[in-house]
Structures are given as C-alpha cells and as structure tokens.
Protein backbone atom coordinates (compact mmCIF):
# COMPACT_ATOMS: atom_id res chain seq x y z
CA MET A 1 -3.24 -17.93 -1.78
CA LEU A 2 -1.48 -21.64 -1.40
CA ILE A 3 -3.71 -24.15 -3.28
CA VAL A 4 -3.10 -27.60 -2.76
CA LEU A 5 -3.94 -29.94 -5.11
CA SER A 6 -4.92 -33.20 -3.37
CA GLU A 7 -3.39 -36.50 -4.41
CA SER A 8 -6.92 -38.09 -4.56
CA LEU A 9 -7.44 -36.18 -7.60
CA ARG A 10 -4.99 -38.28 -9.61
CA ALA A 11 -7.35 -41.58 -9.14
CA SER A 12 -10.54 -39.57 -9.85
CA ASP A 13 -10.19 -36.51 -12.32
CA LEU A 14 -6.75 -36.26 -13.74
CA ARG A 15 -7.14 -38.71 -16.68
CA PRO A 16 -8.33 -38.91 -19.93
CA ASN A 17 -11.89 -37.90 -21.09
CA LEU A 18 -12.18 -35.13 -18.69
CA SER A 19 -15.68 -33.77 -17.44
CA ARG A 20 -16.53 -30.24 -18.87
CA LYS A 21 -16.23 -28.93 -15.32
CA ALA A 22 -13.27 -30.68 -14.60
CA ARG A 23 -11.73 -29.37 -17.98
CA ASP A 24 -12.82 -25.73 -17.20
CA ALA A 25 -11.48 -26.08 -13.67
CA LEU A 26 -8.02 -27.29 -14.79
CA LEU A 27 -7.74 -24.51 -17.57
CA ASN A 28 -8.69 -21.78 -14.80
CA LEU A 29 -5.94 -23.25 -12.18
CA SER A 30 -3.22 -23.17 -15.00
CA THR A 31 -4.10 -19.83 -15.75
CA ALA A 32 -3.83 -18.53 -12.10
CA ALA A 33 -0.68 -20.41 -11.48
CA TYR A 34 0.74 -18.70 -14.95
CA GLU A 35 -0.47 -15.17 -13.62
CA GLY A 36 0.78 -15.56 -10.24
CA THR A 37 -2.52 -14.64 -8.54
CA HIS A 38 -2.06 -18.12 -6.45
CA LEU A 39 0.52 -20.40 -5.67
CA LEU A 40 -0.16 -24.05 -6.81
CA ALA A 41 1.17 -26.96 -4.56
CA GLY A 42 1.32 -30.71 -5.35
CA SER A 43 3.53 -33.81 -5.92
CA ARG A 44 5.72 -34.29 -8.75
CA LEU A 45 3.76 -37.38 -9.92
CA LEU A 46 0.40 -35.21 -9.89
CA PHE A 47 1.98 -32.42 -11.91
CA GLY A 48 3.17 -35.24 -14.12
CA ASP A 49 -0.27 -36.40 -14.55
CA LEU A 50 -1.41 -32.70 -15.36
CA GLN A 51 1.32 -32.54 -18.11
CA GLN A 52 -0.24 -35.71 -19.82
CA LEU A 53 -3.57 -34.36 -20.17
CA THR A 54 -3.32 -33.68 -23.77
CA GLU A 55 -6.77 -32.48 -23.95
CA LEU A 56 -6.25 -29.47 -22.34
CA GLY A 57 -3.91 -28.59 -24.96
CA PRO A 58 -0.56 -27.37 -25.09
CA ILE A 59 -0.42 -24.19 -23.36
CA PRO A 60 -2.24 -25.26 -20.15
CA THR A 61 -0.11 -28.46 -20.09
CA GLY A 62 2.73 -25.97 -20.56
CA ARG A 63 1.72 -24.07 -17.68
CA PHE A 64 1.53 -26.52 -15.14
CA LYS A 65 4.78 -27.85 -16.14
CA GLU A 66 6.22 -24.34 -15.33
CA ALA A 67 4.14 -24.65 -11.90
CA SER A 68 5.47 -28.12 -11.27
CA VAL A 69 8.81 -26.29 -10.67
CA ARG A 70 7.79 -25.00 -7.47
CA GLY A 71 4.78 -26.86 -6.63
CA ALA A 72 6.45 -30.01 -4.73
CA GLU A 73 8.43 -27.26 -2.86
CA ALA A 74 5.34 -25.56 -2.24
CA LEU A 75 3.72 -28.15 0.03
CA SER A 76 6.51 -27.55 2.66
CA LEU A 77 4.57 -24.18 3.12
CA ILE A 78 1.31 -25.90 4.36
CA ALA A 79 2.84 -26.17 8.21
CA THR A 80 3.20 -22.30 8.16
CA THR A 81 0.39 -21.09 6.42
CA PRO A 82 -2.75 -20.13 8.20
CA ALA A 83 -5.18 -20.14 5.59
CA VAL A 84 -5.00 -22.87 2.48
CA ILE A 85 -7.22 -23.99 -0.11
CA ARG A 86 -7.24 -27.83 -0.73
CA VAL A 87 -8.56 -28.97 -3.80
CA GLU A 88 -10.70 -32.01 -4.02
CA PRO A 89 -12.23 -34.45 -6.57
CA CYS A 90 -15.29 -33.46 -8.32
CA GLY A 91 -18.44 -33.79 -6.76
CA SER A 92 -16.86 -33.94 -3.09
CA ALA A 93 -18.72 -31.94 -0.24
CA PRO A 94 -17.08 -28.66 0.24
CA ASN A 95 -15.74 -28.06 3.90
CA ALA A 96 -14.37 -25.31 5.82
CA GLU A 97 -12.09 -27.01 8.88
CA ARG A 98 -10.97 -24.72 11.53
CA TYR A 99 -8.34 -25.38 14.20
CA PRO A 100 -8.80 -23.55 17.28
CA ASP A 101 -5.40 -24.44 18.91
CA ASN A 102 -3.56 -22.48 16.17
CA GLY A 103 -6.45 -20.46 14.22
CA ARG A 104 -5.38 -22.37 10.95
CA VAL A 105 -8.14 -22.52 8.48
CA THR A 106 -8.17 -25.23 5.44
CA PHE A 107 -10.84 -24.70 2.84
CA HIS A 108 -11.78 -27.97 1.04
CA LEU A 109 -13.08 -27.33 -2.26
CA PRO A 110 -14.05 -29.77 -5.02
CA LEU A 111 -12.26 -29.55 -8.27
CA ASP A 112 -15.39 -28.37 -10.12
CA HIS A 113 -15.63 -25.36 -7.77
CA PHE A 114 -13.02 -23.64 -9.89
CA ALA A 115 -14.79 -24.15 -13.05
CA ASP A 116 -15.90 -20.64 -12.31
CA SER A 117 -12.87 -18.42 -13.40
CA SER A 118 -13.97 -15.51 -11.06
CA ARG A 119 -13.15 -17.79 -8.18
CA LEU A 120 -9.44 -17.62 -9.04
CA GLY A 121 -8.92 -13.86 -9.29
CA CYS A 122 -6.68 -12.23 -6.86
CA SER A 123 -7.73 -12.46 -3.30
CA HIS A 124 -8.85 -9.24 -1.54
CA ILE A 125 -7.73 -7.52 1.87
CA LEU A 126 -10.37 -5.50 3.56
CA GLY A 127 -9.30 -2.98 6.22
CA GLU A 128 -11.74 -0.38 7.94
CA HIS A 129 -10.24 2.43 5.82
CA SER A 130 -7.82 2.64 2.85
CA ARG A 131 -4.93 3.65 4.82
CA ASP A 132 -5.33 0.12 7.06
CA THR A 133 -5.47 -1.74 3.90
CA TYR A 134 -2.38 -0.30 2.32
CA PHE A 135 -0.80 -1.01 5.57
CA TYR A 136 -1.71 -4.56 5.23
CA ILE A 137 -0.64 -5.17 1.76
CA ALA A 138 2.70 -3.44 2.38
CA LEU A 139 3.22 -6.11 5.30
CA GLY A 140 2.48 -8.91 2.93
CA GLU A 141 5.02 -7.54 0.61
CA ALA A 142 7.53 -7.29 3.25
CA VAL A 143 6.67 -10.94 4.28
CA ALA A 144 7.14 -12.02 0.44
CA THR A 145 10.87 -10.68 0.57
CA HIS A 146 11.60 -14.03 2.96
CA HIS A 147 10.29 -16.32 0.21
CA LYS A 148 12.47 -16.34 -2.85
CA GLY A 149 10.39 -16.78 -6.18
CA LEU A 150 7.09 -15.78 -4.50
CA ARG A 151 5.21 -12.48 -4.25
CA CYS A 152 1.98 -11.02 -2.45
CA ARG A 153 -0.68 -10.40 -4.76
CA LEU A 154 -3.78 -8.62 -3.18
CA ARG A 155 -6.39 -6.50 -4.18
CA GLY A 156 -7.34 -4.02 -1.44
CA ALA A 157 -10.78 -2.88 -0.43
CA ASP A 158 -11.85 0.00 1.72
CA GLY A 159 -14.42 -0.71 4.44
CA HIS A 160 -15.36 3.11 4.98
CA GLY A 161 -15.31 2.55 8.55
CA GLY A 162 -18.96 1.60 9.52
CA ALA A 163 -19.56 0.19 6.36
CA THR A 164 -16.86 -2.55 6.72
CA SER A 165 -19.34 -5.49 7.52
CA ARG A 166 -21.60 -4.86 4.87
CA ILE A 167 -18.60 -4.59 2.14
CA PHE A 168 -17.36 -7.78 3.75
CA GLN A 169 -20.63 -9.35 2.98
CA LEU A 170 -20.73 -8.34 -0.53
CA HIS A 171 -17.29 -9.84 -0.92
CA ILE A 172 -18.60 -13.16 0.41
CA GLU A 173 -21.92 -13.08 -1.75
CA ARG A 174 -19.47 -12.51 -4.86
CA ASP A 175 -17.49 -15.73 -3.88
CA ASP A 176 -14.51 -13.71 -3.50
CA CYS A 177 -11.25 -15.09 -1.51
CA VAL A 178 -11.32 -12.39 1.15
CA LEU A 179 -9.40 -11.49 4.49
CA CYS A 180 -11.06 -8.61 6.83
CA ILE A 181 -9.16 -7.43 9.48
CA VAL A 182 -10.61 -4.94 11.60
CA ASP A 183 -9.83 -3.27 15.01
CA SER A 184 -11.20 -4.62 18.47
CA ASP A 185 -11.95 -1.30 19.56
CA ARG A 186 -11.83 -2.31 23.07
CA SER A 187 -10.73 -0.07 25.82
CA ALA A 188 -9.19 -2.99 28.00
CA HIS A 189 -8.80 -6.58 27.51
CA GLU A 190 -12.07 -7.47 29.28
CA ALA A 191 -14.27 -4.56 27.53
CA PRO A 192 -16.74 -5.76 24.90
CA LEU A 193 -15.86 -5.60 21.24
CA GLY A 194 -16.68 -2.93 18.89
CA ARG A 195 -19.77 -3.21 16.72
CA THR A 196 -17.84 -3.63 13.43
CA ALA A 197 -15.69 -6.21 14.84
CA ALA A 198 -18.62 -8.29 16.46
CA ASP A 199 -20.27 -7.93 12.92
CA VAL A 200 -17.49 -9.23 10.71
CA LEU A 201 -17.10 -12.37 13.24
CA ALA A 202 -20.78 -13.02 12.90
CA LEU A 203 -20.31 -12.62 8.88
CA CYS A 204 -17.23 -14.87 8.92
CA ASP A 205 -18.93 -17.84 11.05
CA LYS A 206 -21.84 -17.88 8.48
CA ALA A 207 -19.19 -17.84 5.59
CA LEU A 208 -17.27 -20.75 6.97
CA ALA A 209 -20.49 -22.66 7.25
CA ALA A 210 -21.39 -21.86 3.76
CA HIS A 211 -17.77 -23.01 2.97
CA ARG A 212 -16.64 -19.52 1.26
CA VAL A 213 -13.15 -18.75 1.23
CA ALA A 214 -13.52 -15.78 3.71
CA LEU A 215 -11.76 -15.10 7.08
CA ALA A 216 -12.05 -12.15 9.56
CA HIS A 217 -9.45 -11.27 12.08
CA VAL A 218 -10.00 -8.79 14.92
CA LEU A 219 -6.58 -7.28 16.21
CA PRO A 220 -6.39 -8.45 19.89
CA CYS A 221 -5.51 -4.90 20.88
CA ARG A 222 -7.71 -1.55 20.41
CA GLU A 223 -6.58 -0.60 16.88
CA LEU A 224 -4.06 -0.68 14.33
CA GLU A 225 -2.10 2.10 15.94
CA ASN A 226 -1.37 -0.37 18.82
CA LEU A 227 0.59 -2.77 16.53
CA ILE A 228 2.94 -0.34 14.57
CA PRO A 229 6.46 -0.87 15.73
CA ALA A 230 8.01 2.03 17.18
CA ALA A 231 10.72 1.93 14.64
CA LEU A 232 8.45 2.58 11.87
CA ILE A 233 6.59 5.27 13.63
CA LEU A 234 9.76 7.23 14.32
CA ASP A 235 11.13 6.48 10.81
CA ALA A 236 7.94 8.30 9.54
CA LEU A 237 8.58 11.39 11.40
CA PRO A 238 9.51 14.49 9.75
CA SER A 239 13.14 15.21 9.82
CA ASP A 240 12.87 18.50 11.41
CA PRO A 241 13.86 18.34 15.09
CA LEU A 242 11.91 21.07 15.97
CA ASP A 243 8.59 19.73 14.73
CA GLU A 244 6.51 19.79 17.69
CA HIS A 245 4.63 16.52 16.94
CA GLY A 246 7.86 14.61 16.48
CA ILE A 247 8.89 15.71 19.88
CA ARG A 248 5.55 14.44 21.69
CA VAL A 249 6.14 10.87 19.70
CA ARG A 250 10.00 10.86 20.87
CA LYS A 251 8.86 11.57 24.37
CA SER A 252 6.23 8.85 24.41
CA GLU A 253 8.37 6.40 22.59
CA SER A 254 7.93 3.62 25.44
CA CYS A 255 4.43 3.24 24.84
CA LEU A 256 4.42 2.67 21.13
CA GLY A 257 4.25 -0.83 19.09
CA LEU A 258 2.81 -2.58 22.78
CA GLY A 259 -0.24 -4.24 21.08
CA ASP A 260 -2.25 -2.96 24.12
CA PHE A 261 -5.29 -0.89 24.51
CA ALA A 262 -4.08 2.58 25.05
CA GLU A 263 -5.52 5.37 22.97
CA LEU A 264 -2.77 6.38 20.56
CA LYS A 265 -4.63 8.29 17.60
CA HIS A 266 -3.18 11.57 19.24
CA LEU A 267 0.16 10.26 18.61
CA VAL A 268 0.07 7.99 15.54
CA ARG A 269 -0.88 9.47 12.40
CA LEU A 270 -1.96 6.25 10.63
CA ALA A 271 -2.29 8.09 7.38
CA ASP A 272 0.85 9.29 7.02
CA ILE A 273 2.90 6.19 8.32
CA SER A 274 0.84 4.03 5.96
CA GLU A 275 1.94 6.59 3.20
CA HIS A 276 5.40 6.48 4.38
CA PHE A 277 5.37 2.63 4.79
CA ARG A 278 4.16 2.01 1.20
CA HIS A 279 6.92 4.14 -0.21
CA LEU A 280 9.34 1.97 1.56
CA THR A 281 11.37 -0.84 -0.23
CA PRO A 282 10.02 -4.28 0.78
CA PRO A 283 13.58 -5.05 2.38
CA LYS A 284 13.17 -2.18 4.48
CA ARG A 285 9.41 -2.72 5.29
CA ALA A 286 10.65 -6.27 6.39
CA GLU A 287 13.80 -4.35 8.57
CA LEU A 288 11.24 -2.68 10.57
CA CYS A 289 8.11 -5.02 11.19
CA LEU A 290 9.46 -8.52 10.90
CA ARG A 291 11.60 -8.91 13.79
CA PRO A 292 11.52 -10.87 17.04
CA ALA A 293 11.12 -7.48 18.98
CA VAL A 294 7.66 -6.72 17.42
CA SER A 295 4.23 -7.75 19.01
CA PRO A 296 3.09 -11.43 18.35
CA ALA A 297 -0.20 -10.07 17.31
CA LEU A 298 1.45 -8.23 14.43
CA ASN A 299 3.39 -11.29 13.38
CA THR A 300 0.01 -12.95 13.14
CA VAL A 301 -1.42 -10.18 10.87
CA CYS A 302 1.58 -10.79 8.67
CA SER A 303 0.88 -14.46 8.37
CA LEU A 304 -2.66 -14.02 7.89
CA VAL A 305 -1.89 -11.38 4.84
CA TRP A 306 0.46 -13.39 3.33
CA SER A 307 -1.38 -16.68 3.34
CA PHE A 308 -4.06 -14.75 1.23
CA GLY A 309 -1.53 -12.87 -1.10
CA MET A 310 0.82 -15.66 -1.92
CA GLY A 311 1.53 -16.13 -5.47
CA SER A 312 4.10 -17.19 -7.70
CA GLU A 313 6.88 -14.61 -8.92
CA ARG A 314 6.66 -16.20 -12.35
CA GLY A 315 3.60 -15.03 -13.03
CA ARG A 316 2.81 -11.73 -15.42
CA THR A 317 2.24 -8.43 -13.76
C-alpha cells in the first residue's frame, strides 16, 4: 500500500532518543520499503531526518535513503489512490476517514502501531473463489506496468464461496491489510444484495469503526463474469474455429463486458479465463483490460487492487 509519512512526525518523533516503540516501528517501515511490500511516501526533508537517526543503525538509515529516491515522487500518487495509510505521531488516535463522494479511504494510524512487524506484511486480496482472486491479482499487475519502478505485491486468499465473510473476519482480527471483493449477486439493479455481499459490507463497517486497514468492495453488477472485457474472453477461447462453446460465445459477443446483471456463467468459464489471464504478460493484460472502452466498474476494481498491492520494484522478491 501507499504509506504516507506525515510531516508532523518531524517535530514529534523523528529526533534523537527515540522511544522503543517508535524505533521498532521505523525499523519495520524501513524493512517494508526494502522488501517492496509497501511504498513509503514523504517529503525530502522528512526522509532527510530519517537518515540522520543514527540510533537506528546504518542498515535502516540506508534503506530510508533508498526509499527517499521515490518517496517524494510517491506523494503525487495520493490523489489517484483510493486507499492510503497515513502515519501520524506516536499516541495519535487512529481513524479511518472515508469520502463518500469518491469512495476514497485514508487510514490514519499512529507510528507506534507499526511496532508490530506483522502489520507490515504483504496486503491480502480476498475473492469468493481462487479463480476470482487470481484474476484480481493479475489486474493489479497489469496496472503496475503503467508505473515505472513500482510493482503489485499481493497475497491471495480464497473465500471458498459462502465462507468469504468468515475468512474476511479472520483477516480483520489478525490486523492484516485486506481488500475483499465480492459479487453483488443481484438479478437486477433494484434487486437486493446477496447474503455474502451484505455480510462483508457489514464487517467492513465494523472494521473501519475499529480503525482496521480493511476494505470491502461489492461489484455493481451481478458477478465478476459481467466485468470481464469481451476482448479478453475472446482471447481465451480455444483456437479451434469449430469448438461449439467458442461458437456460442462469439455469437453472443454483444452482451460481454457490459457490467450489467445478465447471467453469463453459461457463456463465460471464469476458471479458464482466469488461468489464461494469469499466463499473459502484464503488458498484454493491460492492453486487454486497461482501456477507455472497458466498464468503469472494472477500472474501479483495478484502482482498488492496485492501491492495496502498491510496492516498490527495488525490493527483493
């Protein structure tokens, strides 16, 4: 994720005689930047202060020096990143700030929150099934091709269908950074949400109230199959022109990728498409999915996944 180091840290915590929790948190943040699990953003002056904290030792200060190369530039990403962590001074009250007009969320967390290294592991992406999760990760990797020096780092989790809300709850309780994306299961725009969607939204509200870095997104269409661009579905079809399934899909091309409430499972084999998509190069994925012609809802999903997976390319694999 994009972790923004607040300027207020300079006057409060980034000075000699660090508290133990502040020291541990800074060590963990430097490791996260080095390993590329998250992207640190902050001013050049702030990163300069970090490099002067000799009590951290030469390795962490060297890692902050490396992170500073992209840290100031990363600040420009805030405006287009739908989910951001902002690190505030030690002892600050945590707060999850949501903006209904554009759907953005800023998680304000005190520096000492990161004294626990487990809170800076890879972010998790949770889909209802492994095929959904693989598809979302591949979307994030496609977005990364448009950001030189950055990459998408996500750990996938399988919701096993009806167990998705329970698994989401487990991630929340572990204090993971977790994004959960589920189908709406609506048969029409005015139809009620499916049970899984309603349950994860309720859990998300509780998580935000408890200042956890957790977010749920319900697709504004029936299911993921409705969002997959027609070009990708056609690209995944068998090359045999006499394949009966391929013939049916090509005849129904006009109803693909519309982001509506049609039942497309009889046409779209998500397992095959997800596997095909995973094996494409990231530039090819971007060519098929990151175009003005695709559904705006798919662009929203891409942005959300990227915001949770954003990390530095300089990190080790």
